[in-house]
Amino acid sequence: MTTLNLTAVPDDLVERLRAIAEQDGTDLVAAAVRCLERGLSDEELAEADIRELRDLRAQNPNAWVTEEMIRAARTEGRG
């Protein structure tokens, strides 16, 4: 395993990590690693969603919805 030293970590962030560690019954390092893993996983999921949306857009290049179209649909629905 690699060692990672962090500097200039804001005090409020350290306190939040300590609270997570206490809730989980772990130490500060384990809480930080868990948060990093979760954050990276969320980012990877978001990137996969973006790729999927881009693929869908490429398959349907004429399927654009503009802000004006959304407004018109809202207005029609209220009629």
Protein backbone atom coordinates (compact mmCIF):
# COMPACT_ATOMS: atom_id res chain seq x y z
CA MET A 1 0.00 0.00 0.00
CA THR A 2 1.10 3.54 -0.68
CA THR A 3 1.39 6.18 2.01
CA LEU A 4 -0.32 9.49 1.33
CA ASN A 5 0.47 12.50 3.49
CA LEU A 6 -1.94 15.42 3.35
CA THR A 7 -1.08 18.94 4.39
CA ALA A 8 -3.17 22.07 4.77
CA VAL A 9 -6.35 20.12 5.49
CA PRO A 10 -8.95 22.55 6.85
CA ASP A 11 -9.82 22.03 10.51
CA ASP A 12 -13.54 21.69 9.79
CA LEU A 13 -12.86 18.89 7.32
CA VAL A 14 -10.71 17.05 9.85
CA GLU A 15 -13.50 17.38 12.42
CA ARG A 16 -16.02 15.98 9.95
CA LEU A 17 -13.70 13.05 9.25
CA ARG A 18 -13.25 12.47 12.98
CA ALA A 19 -17.02 12.38 13.41
CA ILE A 20 -17.33 9.82 10.60
CA ALA A 21 -14.53 7.74 12.13
CA GLU A 22 -16.22 7.82 15.53
CA GLN A 23 -19.57 6.77 14.06
CA ASP A 24 -17.92 3.90 12.17
CA GLY A 25 -15.70 2.86 15.05
CA THR A 26 -12.58 3.39 12.93
CA ASP A 27 -9.69 5.80 12.90
CA LEU A 28 -9.22 9.04 10.97
CA VAL A 29 -7.19 7.38 8.22
CA ALA A 30 -9.84 4.70 7.59
CA ALA A 31 -12.55 7.37 7.46
CA ALA A 32 -10.54 9.44 4.98
CA VAL A 33 -9.88 6.42 2.75
CA ARG A 34 -13.58 5.49 2.83
CA CYS A 35 -14.59 9.02 1.84
CA LEU A 36 -12.04 9.06 -0.98
CA GLU A 37 -13.28 5.71 -2.28
CA ARG A 38 -16.90 6.84 -2.15
CA GLY A 39 -16.09 10.16 -3.81
CA LEU A 40 -14.18 8.50 -6.61
CA SER A 41 -16.95 5.95 -7.10
CA ASP A 42 -19.55 8.73 -7.34
CA GLU A 43 -17.38 10.55 -9.87
CA GLU A 44 -16.93 7.39 -11.92
CA LEU A 45 -20.69 6.77 -11.91
CA ALA A 46 -21.34 10.33 -13.03
CA GLU A 47 -18.81 9.99 -15.83
CA ALA A 48 -20.50 6.75 -16.96
CA ASP A 49 -23.88 8.52 -16.97
CA ILE A 50 -22.43 11.35 -19.06
CA ARG A 51 -20.94 8.86 -21.54
CA GLU A 52 -24.30 7.10 -21.82
CA LEU A 53 -26.13 10.39 -22.40
CA ARG A 54 -23.61 11.39 -25.07
CA ASP A 55 -24.11 8.03 -26.79
CA LEU A 56 -27.88 8.53 -26.73
CA ARG A 57 -27.48 12.02 -28.12
CA ALA A 58 -25.27 10.68 -30.92
CA GLN A 59 -27.94 8.08 -31.78
CA ASN A 60 -30.67 10.76 -31.83
CA PRO A 61 -29.03 13.95 -33.13
CA ASN A 62 -32.40 15.63 -33.83
CA ALA A 63 -33.86 14.94 -30.40
CA TRP A 64 -33.09 18.28 -28.83
CA VAL A 65 -35.27 19.93 -26.24
CA THR A 66 -34.77 23.65 -25.80
CA GLU A 67 -35.67 25.80 -22.84
CA GLU A 68 -38.39 27.41 -24.95
CA MET A 69 -39.90 24.01 -25.70
CA ILE A 70 -39.99 23.20 -21.98
CA ARG A 71 -41.66 26.54 -21.20
CA ALA A 72 -44.25 25.96 -23.95
CA ALA A 73 -45.02 22.48 -22.64
CA ARG A 74 -45.48 23.85 -19.12
CA THR A 75 -47.76 26.57 -20.36
CA GLU A 76 -49.86 24.08 -22.38
CA GLY A 77 -50.19 21.84 -19.33
CA ARG A 78 -51.68 24.69 -17.33
CA GLY A 79 -54.36 25.48 -19.88
